[in-house]
């Protein structure tokens, strides 16, 4: 089976990181930027690296961008080119367009022109930081609703030797409390673990809970 083809437009730090990661995961990655130096910097970290103006429909057609399964537009500092490129992608029939937004207005504009997925990395990182600020054990927070999310909880030393129930977790089937969805012991992952499972320092527990309940973990002694 042929590798999936992904194009990344915009080779700032975020674009280069995205390109490198996709390439290392085995995707065929076309990396594009209007700046020759940025294109040179990504050589060897992608399948193809091209200098091109992606606001030009002719240039995009010459690159065969319409044949790519996914196009990721990482430009955010200049809203107009970001929106213009997004419109061109949908006009050319790209099925899955992902674009990075600078703020809420930019994000709403991208959605209105048909972008399939809008990402705001800075906002997402701010949310994660806020949820882990006073509880260093809470990692990788993902909001599901405004006050409910999924997190990765790293077991601190003071919980070592206790059961999941003693720490304060509930069953994944429960609709209240801090539900333990998975327990990770190194490379071994147990889904929907028993509450009688004992944990050790460094174990990871994937949990789902209301934000206020996550904060209560810090108070457990």
N, C-alpha and C. Protein backbone atom coordinates (compact mmCIF):
# COMPACT_ATOMS: atom_id res chain seq x y z
N UNK A 1 0.84 -1.19 0.00
CA UNK A 1 0.00 0.00 0.00
C UNK A 1 0.88 1.24 0.00
N UNK A 2 0.56 2.20 -0.86
CA UNK A 2 1.34 3.43 -0.95
C UNK A 2 1.16 4.26 0.31
N UNK A 3 2.23 5.00 0.67
CA UNK A 3 2.16 5.87 1.83
C UNK A 3 1.16 6.99 1.58
N UNK A 4 0.52 7.44 2.64
CA UNK A 4 -0.41 8.56 2.52
C UNK A 4 0.37 9.83 2.20
N UNK A 5 -0.22 10.66 1.35
CA UNK A 5 0.45 11.88 0.93
C UNK A 5 -0.11 13.09 1.68
N UNK A 6 0.80 13.86 2.26
CA UNK A 6 0.43 15.05 3.01
C UNK A 6 1.28 16.22 2.54
N UNK A 7 0.65 17.37 2.35
CA UNK A 7 1.39 18.58 2.01
C UNK A 7 1.34 19.55 3.18
N UNK A 8 2.47 20.14 3.51
CA UNK A 8 2.55 21.14 4.58
C UNK A 8 2.95 22.46 3.95
N UNK A 9 2.12 23.47 4.14
CA UNK A 9 2.39 24.80 3.58
C UNK A 9 2.75 25.76 4.69
N UNK A 10 3.95 26.31 4.62
CA UNK A 10 4.44 27.21 5.66
C UNK A 10 5.46 26.50 6.52
N UNK A 11 6.73 26.94 6.44
CA UNK A 11 7.80 26.23 7.13
C UNK A 11 8.45 27.08 8.23
N UNK A 12 7.60 27.60 9.10
CA UNK A 12 8.10 28.18 10.34
C UNK A 12 8.41 27.04 11.29
N UNK A 13 8.61 27.35 12.56
CA UNK A 13 8.96 26.29 13.52
C UNK A 13 7.86 25.22 13.62
N UNK A 14 6.61 25.68 13.65
CA UNK A 14 5.50 24.74 13.74
C UNK A 14 5.41 23.88 12.48
N UNK A 15 5.58 24.51 11.32
CA UNK A 15 5.50 23.78 10.05
C UNK A 15 6.62 22.76 9.90
N UNK A 16 7.82 23.15 10.30
CA UNK A 16 8.95 22.23 10.20
C UNK A 16 8.77 21.05 11.16
N UNK A 17 8.30 21.34 12.37
CA UNK A 17 8.06 20.27 13.34
C UNK A 17 7.01 19.30 12.83
N UNK A 18 5.95 19.82 12.24
CA UNK A 18 4.89 18.98 11.68
C UNK A 18 5.43 18.13 10.53
N UNK A 19 6.19 18.77 9.65
CA UNK A 19 6.78 18.07 8.50
C UNK A 19 7.68 16.93 8.96
N UNK A 20 8.58 17.23 9.87
CA UNK A 20 9.54 16.24 10.35
C UNK A 20 8.83 15.05 10.99
N UNK A 21 7.84 15.33 11.83
CA UNK A 21 7.13 14.26 12.53
C UNK A 21 6.36 13.37 11.56
N UNK A 22 5.65 13.98 10.61
CA UNK A 22 4.91 13.19 9.62
C UNK A 22 5.84 12.32 8.80
N UNK A 23 6.98 12.88 8.40
CA UNK A 23 7.95 12.14 7.59
C UNK A 23 8.51 10.96 8.38
N UNK A 24 8.82 11.19 9.66
CA UNK A 24 9.34 10.11 10.51
C UNK A 24 8.30 9.02 10.76
N UNK A 25 7.02 9.39 10.64
CA UNK A 25 5.94 8.41 10.81
C UNK A 25 5.67 7.62 9.54
N UNK A 26 6.37 7.99 8.46
CA UNK A 26 6.26 7.21 7.23
C UNK A 26 5.37 7.81 6.14
N UNK A 27 4.91 9.05 6.34
CA UNK A 27 4.09 9.69 5.31
C UNK A 27 4.98 10.26 4.20
N UNK A 28 4.40 10.35 2.99
CA UNK A 28 5.04 11.10 1.91
C UNK A 28 4.68 12.57 2.12
N UNK A 29 5.67 13.39 2.42
CA UNK A 29 5.40 14.78 2.80
C UNK A 29 5.98 15.75 1.78
N UNK A 30 5.12 16.60 1.26
CA UNK A 30 5.53 17.71 0.40
C UNK A 30 5.55 18.96 1.26
N UNK A 31 6.73 19.56 1.43
CA UNK A 31 6.89 20.76 2.25
C UNK A 31 7.06 21.97 1.34
N UNK A 32 6.26 23.01 1.57
CA UNK A 32 6.24 24.17 0.67
C UNK A 32 6.37 25.46 1.47
N UNK A 33 7.17 26.37 0.96
CA UNK A 33 7.26 27.71 1.54
C UNK A 33 7.71 28.67 0.44
N UNK A 34 7.37 29.94 0.59
CA UNK A 34 7.78 30.94 -0.40
C UNK A 34 9.22 31.38 -0.18
N UNK A 35 9.76 31.06 1.02
CA UNK A 35 11.12 31.45 1.40
C UNK A 35 12.10 30.31 1.08
N UNK A 36 13.05 30.56 0.21
CA UNK A 36 14.02 29.55 -0.22
C UNK A 36 14.84 29.01 0.95
N UNK A 37 15.24 29.89 1.88
CA UNK A 37 16.06 29.45 3.01
C UNK A 37 15.31 28.45 3.90
N UNK A 38 14.03 28.70 4.10
CA UNK A 38 13.24 27.78 4.91
C UNK A 38 13.10 26.43 4.22
N UNK A 39 12.95 26.46 2.92
CA UNK A 39 12.85 25.21 2.16
C UNK A 39 14.15 24.43 2.26
N UNK A 40 15.28 25.11 2.14
CA UNK A 40 16.58 24.46 2.26
C UNK A 40 16.75 23.83 3.64
N UNK A 41 16.21 24.48 4.66
CA UNK A 41 16.37 24.00 6.04
C UNK A 41 15.65 22.68 6.29
N UNK A 42 14.65 22.37 5.47
CA UNK A 42 13.86 21.17 5.71
C UNK A 42 14.27 20.01 4.80
N UNK A 43 15.24 20.23 3.93
CA UNK A 43 15.72 19.16 3.06
C UNK A 43 16.22 17.97 3.89
N UNK A 44 15.85 16.78 3.49
CA UNK A 44 16.23 15.58 4.22
C UNK A 44 15.26 15.22 5.33
N UNK A 45 14.29 16.12 5.60
CA UNK A 45 13.30 15.87 6.65
C UNK A 45 11.89 15.71 6.06
N UNK A 46 11.83 15.57 4.72
CA UNK A 46 10.56 15.40 4.04
C UNK A 46 10.81 14.67 2.72
N UNK A 47 9.76 14.31 2.04
CA UNK A 47 9.91 13.61 0.75
C UNK A 47 10.30 14.58 -0.35
N UNK A 48 9.60 15.71 -0.40
CA UNK A 48 9.89 16.76 -1.38
C UNK A 48 9.83 18.11 -0.67
N UNK A 49 10.72 19.02 -1.04
CA UNK A 49 10.70 20.38 -0.50
C UNK A 49 10.71 21.35 -1.68
N UNK A 50 9.75 22.25 -1.71
CA UNK A 50 9.57 23.11 -2.88
C UNK A 50 9.37 24.56 -2.46
N UNK A 51 9.99 25.47 -3.20
CA UNK A 51 9.75 26.90 -3.03
C UNK A 51 8.64 27.31 -3.99
N UNK A 52 7.55 27.83 -3.45
CA UNK A 52 6.42 28.21 -4.30
C UNK A 52 5.52 29.19 -3.57
N UNK A 53 4.80 29.99 -4.37
CA UNK A 53 3.79 30.91 -3.84
C UNK A 53 2.44 30.20 -3.88
N UNK A 54 1.96 29.78 -2.71
CA UNK A 54 0.74 28.97 -2.66
C UNK A 54 -0.54 29.80 -2.78
N UNK A 55 -0.40 31.12 -2.93
CA UNK A 55 -1.59 31.92 -3.24
C UNK A 55 -1.87 31.92 -4.73
N UNK A 56 -1.01 31.24 -5.50
CA UNK A 56 -1.18 31.13 -6.96
C UNK A 56 -1.81 29.79 -7.30
N UNK A 57 -2.99 29.83 -7.90
CA UNK A 57 -3.67 28.59 -8.27
C UNK A 57 -2.86 27.81 -9.31
N UNK A 58 -2.19 28.53 -10.20
CA UNK A 58 -1.38 27.88 -11.23
C UNK A 58 -0.23 27.10 -10.58
N UNK A 59 0.43 27.73 -9.60
CA UNK A 59 1.54 27.07 -8.91
C UNK A 59 1.06 25.82 -8.19
N UNK A 60 -0.09 25.91 -7.57
CA UNK A 60 -0.64 24.76 -6.84
C UNK A 60 -0.97 23.61 -7.78
N UNK A 61 -1.55 23.95 -8.94
CA UNK A 61 -1.87 22.90 -9.92
C UNK A 61 -0.60 22.25 -10.45
N UNK A 62 0.44 23.06 -10.67
CA UNK A 62 1.72 22.51 -11.15
C UNK A 62 2.31 21.54 -10.14
N UNK A 63 2.07 21.79 -8.86
CA UNK A 63 2.58 20.91 -7.79
C UNK A 63 1.70 19.66 -7.64
N UNK A 64 0.54 19.67 -8.27
CA UNK A 64 -0.37 18.53 -8.13
C UNK A 64 -1.00 18.44 -6.75
N UNK A 65 -1.20 19.60 -6.13
CA UNK A 65 -1.69 19.63 -4.76
C UNK A 65 -3.06 18.97 -4.62
N UNK A 66 -3.83 18.99 -5.71
CA UNK A 66 -5.17 18.40 -5.68
C UNK A 66 -5.14 16.89 -5.49
N UNK A 67 -3.98 16.28 -5.69
CA UNK A 67 -3.85 14.83 -5.54
C UNK A 67 -3.48 14.41 -4.11
N UNK A 68 -3.22 15.39 -3.25
CA UNK A 68 -2.83 15.08 -1.87
C UNK A 68 -4.06 14.85 -1.01
N UNK A 69 -3.96 13.85 -0.14
CA UNK A 69 -5.09 13.49 0.72
C UNK A 69 -5.33 14.53 1.81
N UNK A 70 -4.24 15.09 2.31
CA UNK A 70 -4.34 16.08 3.39
C UNK A 70 -3.40 17.24 3.08
N UNK A 71 -3.90 18.47 3.30
CA UNK A 71 -3.04 19.65 3.21
C UNK A 71 -3.12 20.39 4.53
N UNK A 72 -1.97 20.67 5.11
CA UNK A 72 -1.90 21.38 6.38
C UNK A 72 -1.31 22.77 6.12
N UNK A 73 -2.08 23.79 6.44
CA UNK A 73 -1.65 25.17 6.24
C UNK A 73 -1.24 25.74 7.60
N UNK A 74 0.06 25.94 7.79
CA UNK A 74 0.55 26.35 9.10
C UNK A 74 0.76 27.86 9.22
N UNK A 75 0.50 28.59 8.14
CA UNK A 75 0.66 30.05 8.16
C UNK A 75 -0.39 30.65 9.10
N UNK A 76 0.05 31.52 10.02
CA UNK A 76 -0.93 32.16 10.89
C UNK A 76 -0.65 33.65 11.09
N UNK A 77 0.60 34.07 10.87
CA UNK A 77 0.95 35.47 11.13
C UNK A 77 0.28 36.42 10.15
N UNK A 78 0.06 35.97 8.93
CA UNK A 78 -0.57 36.78 7.90
C UNK A 78 -1.89 36.11 7.51
N UNK A 79 -2.99 36.70 7.96
CA UNK A 79 -4.30 36.06 7.81
C UNK A 79 -4.73 35.93 6.36
N UNK A 80 -4.52 36.98 5.56
CA UNK A 80 -5.02 36.97 4.17
C UNK A 80 -4.50 35.80 3.35
N UNK A 81 -3.18 35.54 3.31
CA UNK A 81 -2.70 34.37 2.55
C UNK A 81 -3.24 33.06 3.10
N UNK A 82 -3.38 32.96 4.42
CA UNK A 82 -3.91 31.75 5.03
C UNK A 82 -5.31 31.45 4.52
N UNK A 83 -6.16 32.48 4.51
CA UNK A 83 -7.54 32.30 4.05
C UNK A 83 -7.57 32.03 2.55
N UNK A 84 -6.75 32.77 1.79
CA UNK A 84 -6.73 32.60 0.34
C UNK A 84 -6.30 31.19 -0.05
N UNK A 85 -5.26 30.69 0.61
CA UNK A 85 -4.78 29.34 0.32
C UNK A 85 -5.84 28.31 0.68
N UNK A 86 -6.53 28.53 1.79
CA UNK A 86 -7.58 27.61 2.22
C UNK A 86 -8.69 27.54 1.18
N UNK A 87 -9.09 28.69 0.66
CA UNK A 87 -10.12 28.74 -0.38
C UNK A 87 -9.67 27.98 -1.62
N UNK A 88 -8.42 28.20 -2.02
CA UNK A 88 -7.88 27.52 -3.20
C UNK A 88 -7.87 26.00 -3.01
N UNK A 89 -7.53 25.56 -1.81
CA UNK A 89 -7.50 24.11 -1.54
C UNK A 89 -8.87 23.48 -1.75
N UNK A 90 -9.90 24.13 -1.23
CA UNK A 90 -11.24 23.59 -1.38
C UNK A 90 -11.72 23.71 -2.83
N UNK A 91 -11.31 24.78 -3.50
CA UNK A 91 -11.66 24.96 -4.91
C UNK A 91 -11.05 23.86 -5.77
N UNK A 92 -9.82 23.46 -5.42
CA UNK A 92 -9.12 22.42 -6.18
C UNK A 92 -9.56 21.01 -5.79
N UNK A 93 -10.40 20.92 -4.77
CA UNK A 93 -10.98 19.63 -4.41
C UNK A 93 -10.21 18.82 -3.38
N UNK A 94 -9.30 19.48 -2.62
CA UNK A 94 -8.59 18.76 -1.55
C UNK A 94 -9.61 18.34 -0.48
N UNK A 95 -9.64 17.07 -0.15
CA UNK A 95 -10.67 16.54 0.74
C UNK A 95 -10.49 16.94 2.19
N UNK A 96 -9.25 16.99 2.64
CA UNK A 96 -9.01 17.26 4.06
C UNK A 96 -8.03 18.41 4.21
N UNK A 97 -8.54 19.57 4.57
CA UNK A 97 -7.71 20.77 4.75
C UNK A 97 -7.66 21.13 6.23
N UNK A 98 -6.46 21.20 6.75
CA UNK A 98 -6.24 21.57 8.15
C UNK A 98 -5.48 22.88 8.16
N UNK A 99 -5.93 23.85 8.96
CA UNK A 99 -5.26 25.15 8.97
C UNK A 99 -5.06 25.65 10.39
N UNK A 100 -3.96 26.34 10.58
CA UNK A 100 -3.62 26.93 11.87
C UNK A 100 -4.17 28.34 11.94
N UNK A 101 -4.79 28.69 13.07
CA UNK A 101 -5.39 30.01 13.23
C UNK A 101 -4.66 30.82 14.29
N UNK A 102 -4.62 32.13 14.08
CA UNK A 102 -3.96 33.03 15.02
C UNK A 102 -4.86 33.38 16.20
N UNK A 103 -6.15 33.55 15.92
CA UNK A 103 -7.10 33.93 16.97
C UNK A 103 -8.49 33.43 16.60
N UNK A 104 -9.48 33.77 17.43
CA UNK A 104 -10.84 33.26 17.22
C UNK A 104 -11.44 33.76 15.91
N UNK A 105 -11.20 35.03 15.56
CA UNK A 105 -11.73 35.57 14.31
C UNK A 105 -11.14 34.84 13.10
N UNK A 106 -9.83 34.62 13.13
CA UNK A 106 -9.16 33.88 12.05
C UNK A 106 -9.73 32.47 11.97
N UNK A 107 -9.92 31.83 13.11
CA UNK A 107 -10.45 30.47 13.15
C UNK A 107 -11.85 30.41 12.55
N UNK A 108 -12.70 31.35 12.93
CA UNK A 108 -14.08 31.37 12.40
C UNK A 108 -14.08 31.59 10.90
N UNK A 109 -13.18 32.46 10.41
CA UNK A 109 -13.09 32.72 8.97
C UNK A 109 -12.69 31.46 8.22
N UNK A 110 -11.72 30.75 8.75
CA UNK A 110 -11.26 29.51 8.12
C UNK A 110 -12.38 28.48 8.05
N UNK A 111 -13.15 28.37 9.11
CA UNK A 111 -14.28 27.42 9.11
C UNK A 111 -15.33 27.82 8.07
N UNK A 112 -15.56 29.11 7.93
CA UNK A 112 -16.57 29.60 6.99
C UNK A 112 -16.20 29.32 5.53
N UNK A 113 -14.88 29.28 5.25
CA UNK A 113 -14.46 29.02 3.86
C UNK A 113 -14.28 27.53 3.59
N UNK A 114 -14.62 26.70 4.59
CA UNK A 114 -14.65 25.26 4.34
C UNK A 114 -13.51 24.44 4.89
N UNK A 115 -12.61 25.04 5.70
CA UNK A 115 -11.51 24.27 6.29
C UNK A 115 -12.09 23.17 7.17
N UNK A 116 -11.56 21.97 7.02
CA UNK A 116 -12.12 20.81 7.73
C UNK A 116 -11.73 20.77 9.20
N UNK A 117 -10.56 21.26 9.51
CA UNK A 117 -10.12 21.27 10.91
C UNK A 117 -9.25 22.49 11.16
N UNK A 118 -9.59 23.26 12.19
CA UNK A 118 -8.82 24.45 12.55
C UNK A 118 -8.11 24.18 13.87
N UNK A 119 -6.81 24.48 13.92
CA UNK A 119 -6.05 24.27 15.14
C UNK A 119 -5.51 25.60 15.65
N UNK A 120 -5.48 25.73 16.98
CA UNK A 120 -4.92 26.92 17.63
C UNK A 120 -3.95 26.44 18.71
N UNK A 121 -2.72 26.08 18.31
CA UNK A 121 -1.76 25.48 19.25
C UNK A 121 -1.49 26.31 20.49
N UNK A 122 -1.39 27.62 20.33
CA UNK A 122 -1.09 28.48 21.48
C UNK A 122 -2.21 28.42 22.51
N UNK A 123 -3.46 28.46 22.03
CA UNK A 123 -4.60 28.40 22.93
C UNK A 123 -4.65 27.05 23.64
N UNK A 124 -4.39 25.97 22.86
CA UNK A 124 -4.42 24.63 23.44
C UNK A 124 -3.34 24.47 24.50
N UNK A 125 -2.14 25.01 24.22
CA UNK A 125 -1.06 24.91 25.20
C UNK A 125 -1.37 25.72 26.44
N UNK A 126 -2.02 26.87 26.25
CA UNK A 126 -2.41 27.69 27.40
C UNK A 126 -3.40 26.96 28.29
N UNK A 127 -4.33 26.25 27.68
CA UNK A 127 -5.31 25.47 28.45
C UNK A 127 -4.62 24.36 29.23
N UNK A 128 -3.67 23.68 28.59
CA UNK A 128 -2.95 22.60 29.27
C UNK A 128 -2.13 23.13 30.43
N UNK A 129 -1.48 24.28 30.22
CA UNK A 129 -0.68 24.87 31.28
C UNK A 129 -1.56 25.23 32.47
N UNK A 130 -2.71 25.85 32.18
CA UNK A 130 -3.60 26.27 33.26
C UNK A 130 -4.05 25.09 34.11
N UNK A 131 -4.31 23.94 33.47
CA UNK A 131 -4.80 22.78 34.21
C UNK A 131 -3.69 22.06 34.98
N UNK A 132 -2.44 22.30 34.61
CA UNK A 132 -1.34 21.61 35.31
C UNK A 132 -0.56 22.55 36.23
N UNK A 133 -0.96 23.82 36.28
CA UNK A 133 -0.18 24.81 37.01
C UNK A 133 0.01 24.45 38.48
N UNK A 134 -1.08 24.03 39.14
CA UNK A 134 -0.99 23.70 40.56
C UNK A 134 -1.08 22.20 40.82
N UNK A 135 -0.98 21.42 39.77
CA UNK A 135 -0.94 19.97 39.93
C UNK A 135 -0.02 19.41 38.86
N UNK A 136 1.26 19.33 39.20
CA UNK A 136 2.28 18.92 38.23
C UNK A 136 2.08 17.50 37.73
N UNK A 137 1.25 16.71 38.42
CA UNK A 137 1.01 15.32 38.01
C UNK A 137 0.07 15.22 36.83
N UNK A 138 -0.71 16.28 36.57
CA UNK A 138 -1.66 16.27 35.46
C UNK A 138 -0.94 16.70 34.18
N UNK A 139 -0.97 15.83 33.17
CA UNK A 139 -0.28 16.09 31.90
C UNK A 139 -1.26 15.98 30.73
N UNK A 140 -0.95 16.65 29.65
CA UNK A 140 -1.66 16.48 28.37
C UNK A 140 -3.17 16.59 28.49
N UNK A 141 -3.64 17.68 29.08
CA UNK A 141 -5.08 17.89 29.22
C UNK A 141 -5.73 18.12 27.86
N UNK A 142 -6.85 17.44 27.60
CA UNK A 142 -7.63 17.65 26.38
C UNK A 142 -9.06 17.94 26.79
N UNK A 143 -9.54 19.14 26.48
CA UNK A 143 -10.89 19.52 26.86
C UNK A 143 -11.93 18.83 25.98
N UNK A 144 -12.95 18.27 26.61
CA UNK A 144 -14.06 17.66 25.88
C UNK A 144 -15.22 18.66 25.81
N UNK A 145 -15.53 19.28 26.95
CA UNK A 145 -16.47 20.39 27.01
C UNK A 145 -15.77 21.50 27.80
N UNK A 146 -16.51 22.55 28.11
CA UNK A 146 -15.89 23.69 28.81
C UNK A 146 -15.34 23.34 30.18
N UNK A 147 -15.90 22.35 30.84
CA UNK A 147 -15.44 22.02 32.19
C UNK A 147 -15.21 20.53 32.41
N UNK A 148 -14.97 19.80 31.32
CA UNK A 148 -14.75 18.36 31.42
C UNK A 148 -13.67 17.98 30.42
N UNK A 149 -12.74 17.14 30.86
CA UNK A 149 -11.65 16.79 29.96
C UNK A 149 -11.01 15.45 30.27
N UNK A 150 -10.10 15.07 29.40
CA UNK A 150 -9.31 13.84 29.57
C UNK A 150 -7.87 14.24 29.81
N UNK A 151 -7.23 13.61 30.79
CA UNK A 151 -5.86 13.95 31.14
C UNK A 151 -5.02 12.69 31.34
N UNK A 152 -3.73 12.91 31.30
CA UNK A 152 -2.78 11.85 31.64
C UNK A 152 -2.20 12.23 33.00
N UNK A 153 -2.37 11.34 33.98
CA UNK A 153 -1.94 11.61 35.35
C UNK A 153 -0.74 10.73 35.68
N UNK A 154 0.37 11.36 36.02
CA UNK A 154 1.57 10.61 36.39
C UNK A 154 1.58 10.42 37.92
N UNK A 155 1.63 9.17 38.36
CA UNK A 155 1.52 8.86 39.78
C UNK A 155 2.74 9.40 40.54
N UNK A 156 2.52 10.28 41.53
CA UNK A 156 3.63 10.80 42.33
C UNK A 156 4.01 9.81 43.44
N UNK A 157 5.12 10.07 44.09
CA UNK A 157 5.64 9.15 45.10
C UNK A 157 4.66 8.91 46.24
N UNK A 158 3.90 9.94 46.62
CA UNK A 158 3.01 9.80 47.79
C UNK A 158 1.85 8.83 47.56
N UNK A 159 1.57 8.49 46.28
CA UNK A 159 0.49 7.55 45.98
C UNK A 159 1.01 6.13 45.77
N UNK A 160 2.32 5.94 45.78
CA UNK A 160 2.91 4.64 45.49
C UNK A 160 2.44 3.61 46.52
N UNK A 161 1.97 2.46 46.01
CA UNK A 161 1.51 1.39 46.90
C UNK A 161 0.03 1.44 47.18
N UNK A 162 -0.64 2.49 46.77
CA UNK A 162 -2.08 2.60 46.99
C UNK A 162 -2.83 2.02 45.80
N UNK A 163 -4.08 1.65 46.04
CA UNK A 163 -4.92 1.19 44.93
C UNK A 163 -5.50 2.41 44.22
N UNK A 164 -6.00 2.17 43.02
CA UNK A 164 -6.63 3.27 42.28
C UNK A 164 -7.79 3.86 43.07
N UNK A 165 -8.53 2.99 43.76
CA UNK A 165 -9.66 3.46 44.56
C UNK A 165 -9.19 4.32 45.72
N UNK A 166 -8.09 3.90 46.37
CA UNK A 166 -7.56 4.67 47.50
C UNK A 166 -7.04 6.03 47.07
N UNK A 167 -6.53 6.10 45.85
CA UNK A 167 -6.05 7.39 45.34
C UNK A 167 -7.22 8.33 45.09
N UNK A 168 -8.38 7.76 44.74
CA UNK A 168 -9.55 8.60 44.51
C UNK A 168 -10.18 8.43 43.15
N UNK A 169 -9.76 7.40 42.41
CA UNK A 169 -10.31 7.17 41.08
C UNK A 169 -11.61 6.36 41.16
N UNK A 170 -12.44 6.51 40.14
CA UNK A 170 -13.66 5.73 40.03
C UNK A 170 -13.58 4.87 38.77
N UNK A 171 -14.58 4.02 38.58
CA UNK A 171 -14.61 3.16 37.40
C UNK A 171 -14.95 3.98 36.16
N UNK A 172 -14.46 3.50 35.00
CA UNK A 172 -14.75 4.18 33.73
C UNK A 172 -16.23 4.18 33.43
N UNK A 173 -16.98 3.25 34.03
CA UNK A 173 -18.42 3.16 33.79
C UNK A 173 -19.21 4.18 34.61
N UNK A 174 -18.54 4.77 35.61
CA UNK A 174 -19.23 5.73 36.47
C UNK A 174 -19.33 7.09 35.79
N UNK A 175 -20.40 7.81 36.10
CA UNK A 175 -20.61 9.14 35.51
C UNK A 175 -20.19 10.26 36.46
N UNK A 176 -19.50 9.91 37.53
CA UNK A 176 -19.08 10.90 38.50
C UNK A 176 -17.62 10.65 38.87
N UNK A 177 -17.00 11.61 39.55
CA UNK A 177 -15.64 11.43 40.03
C UNK A 177 -14.61 11.44 38.92
N UNK A 178 -13.44 10.88 39.23
CA UNK A 178 -12.32 10.85 38.29
C UNK A 178 -12.21 9.42 37.74
N UNK A 179 -12.70 9.22 36.54
CA UNK A 179 -12.77 7.87 35.97
C UNK A 179 -11.43 7.44 35.39
N UNK A 180 -10.95 6.29 35.83
CA UNK A 180 -9.69 5.74 35.31
C UNK A 180 -9.98 4.96 34.03
N UNK A 181 -9.53 5.50 32.91
CA UNK A 181 -9.78 4.87 31.61
C UNK A 181 -8.72 3.84 31.24
N UNK A 182 -7.48 4.11 31.65
CA UNK A 182 -6.38 3.20 31.31
C UNK A 182 -5.26 3.38 32.32
N UNK A 183 -4.52 2.29 32.56
CA UNK A 183 -3.36 2.31 33.45
C UNK A 183 -2.15 1.86 32.65
N UNK A 184 -1.11 2.67 32.65
CA UNK A 184 0.09 2.37 31.87
C UNK A 184 1.26 2.08 32.81
N UNK A 185 1.76 0.84 32.72
CA UNK A 185 2.94 0.44 33.50
C UNK A 185 4.07 0.21 32.50
N UNK A 186 4.82 1.25 32.24
CA UNK A 186 5.83 1.15 31.20
C UNK A 186 5.15 0.97 29.86
N UNK A 187 5.45 -0.14 29.17
CA UNK A 187 4.85 -0.41 27.86
C UNK A 187 3.54 -1.20 27.96
N UNK A 188 3.22 -1.67 29.16
CA UNK A 188 1.99 -2.44 29.34
C UNK A 188 0.83 -1.50 29.64
N UNK A 189 -0.23 -1.60 28.84
CA UNK A 189 -1.40 -0.74 29.00
C UNK A 189 -2.61 -1.61 29.34
N UNK A 190 -3.30 -1.25 30.42
CA UNK A 190 -4.53 -1.95 30.81
C UNK A 190 -5.69 -0.99 30.67
N UNK A 191 -6.65 -1.35 29.80
CA UNK A 191 -7.84 -0.52 29.63
C UNK A 191 -8.87 -0.84 30.70
N UNK A 192 -9.58 0.18 31.16
CA UNK A 192 -10.61 0.02 32.19
C UNK A 192 -10.08 -0.82 33.36
N UNK A 193 -9.00 -0.37 34.00
CA UNK A 193 -8.37 -1.17 35.05
C UNK A 193 -9.26 -1.32 36.29
N UNK A 194 -9.04 -2.41 37.00
CA UNK A 194 -9.75 -2.65 38.25
C UNK A 194 -9.32 -1.61 39.29
N UNK A 195 -10.26 -1.15 40.09
CA UNK A 195 -9.93 -0.15 41.11
C UNK A 195 -9.06 -0.73 42.22
N UNK A 196 -8.92 -2.05 42.25
CA UNK A 196 -8.07 -2.69 43.25
C UNK A 196 -6.60 -2.74 42.82
N UNK A 197 -6.33 -2.31 41.57
CA UNK A 197 -4.96 -2.28 41.05
C UNK A 197 -4.12 -1.31 41.88
N UNK A 198 -2.93 -1.76 42.28
CA UNK A 198 -2.03 -0.88 43.01
C UNK A 198 -1.12 -0.14 42.04
N UNK A 199 -0.80 1.08 42.38
CA UNK A 199 0.02 1.91 41.50
C UNK A 199 1.37 2.18 42.14
N UNK A 200 2.32 2.53 41.30
CA UNK A 200 3.65 2.88 41.76
C UNK A 200 4.03 4.24 41.18
N UNK A 201 5.02 4.86 41.78
CA UNK A 201 5.49 6.15 41.29
C UNK A 201 5.91 6.04 39.82
N UNK A 202 5.43 6.96 39.00
CA UNK A 202 5.80 6.97 37.59
C UNK A 202 4.80 6.30 36.69
N UNK A 203 3.89 5.49 37.24
CA UNK A 203 2.83 4.91 36.42
C UNK A 203 1.99 6.05 35.83
N UNK A 204 1.37 5.79 34.69
CA UNK A 204 0.49 6.78 34.07
C UNK A 204 -0.95 6.27 34.11
N UNK A 205 -1.86 7.16 34.49
CA UNK A 205 -3.28 6.83 34.49
C UNK A 205 -3.99 7.83 33.57
N UNK A 206 -4.68 7.31 32.57
CA UNK A 206 -5.48 8.18 31.70
C UNK A 206 -6.85 8.32 32.35
N UNK A 207 -7.24 9.56 32.62
CA UNK A 207 -8.46 9.80 33.38
C UNK A 207 -9.39 10.75 32.64
N UNK A 208 -10.68 10.67 32.97
CA UNK A 208 -11.68 11.61 32.47
C UNK A 208 -12.43 12.16 33.67
N UNK A 209 -12.61 13.48 33.70
CA UNK A 209 -13.25 14.07 34.88
C UNK A 209 -13.62 15.53 34.64
N UNK A 210 -14.48 16.03 35.52
CA UNK A 210 -14.73 17.46 35.55
C UNK A 210 -13.46 18.15 36.05
N UNK A 211 -13.24 19.37 35.59
CA UNK A 211 -12.03 20.09 35.95
C UNK A 211 -11.87 20.22 37.46
N UNK A 212 -12.95 20.48 38.16
CA UNK A 212 -12.88 20.64 39.61
C UNK A 212 -12.44 19.35 40.30
N UNK A 213 -12.84 18.20 39.74
CA UNK A 213 -12.43 16.92 40.31
C UNK A 213 -10.94 16.66 40.07
N UNK A 214 -10.44 17.06 38.90
CA UNK A 214 -9.01 16.91 38.62
C UNK A 214 -8.18 17.70 39.62
N UNK A 215 -8.64 18.88 39.95
CA UNK A 215 -7.92 19.72 40.91
C UNK A 215 -7.88 19.06 42.29
N UNK A 216 -8.91 18.27 42.61
CA UNK A 216 -8.97 17.63 43.93
C UNK A 216 -7.90 16.57 44.11
N UNK A 217 -7.32 16.06 43.02
CA UNK A 217 -6.26 15.05 43.14
C UNK A 217 -5.09 15.58 43.93
N UNK A 218 -4.83 16.87 43.79
CA UNK A 218 -3.67 17.47 44.47
C UNK A 218 -3.85 17.46 45.98
N UNK A 219 -5.12 17.35 46.43
CA UNK A 219 -5.42 17.42 47.86
C UNK A 219 -5.41 16.06 48.53
N UNK A 220 -5.37 15.00 47.72
CA UNK A 220 -5.36 13.65 48.30
C UNK A 220 -4.02 13.39 48.98
N UNK A 221 -4.03 12.89 50.18
CA UNK A 221 -2.80 12.64 50.92
C UNK A 221 -2.55 11.15 51.08
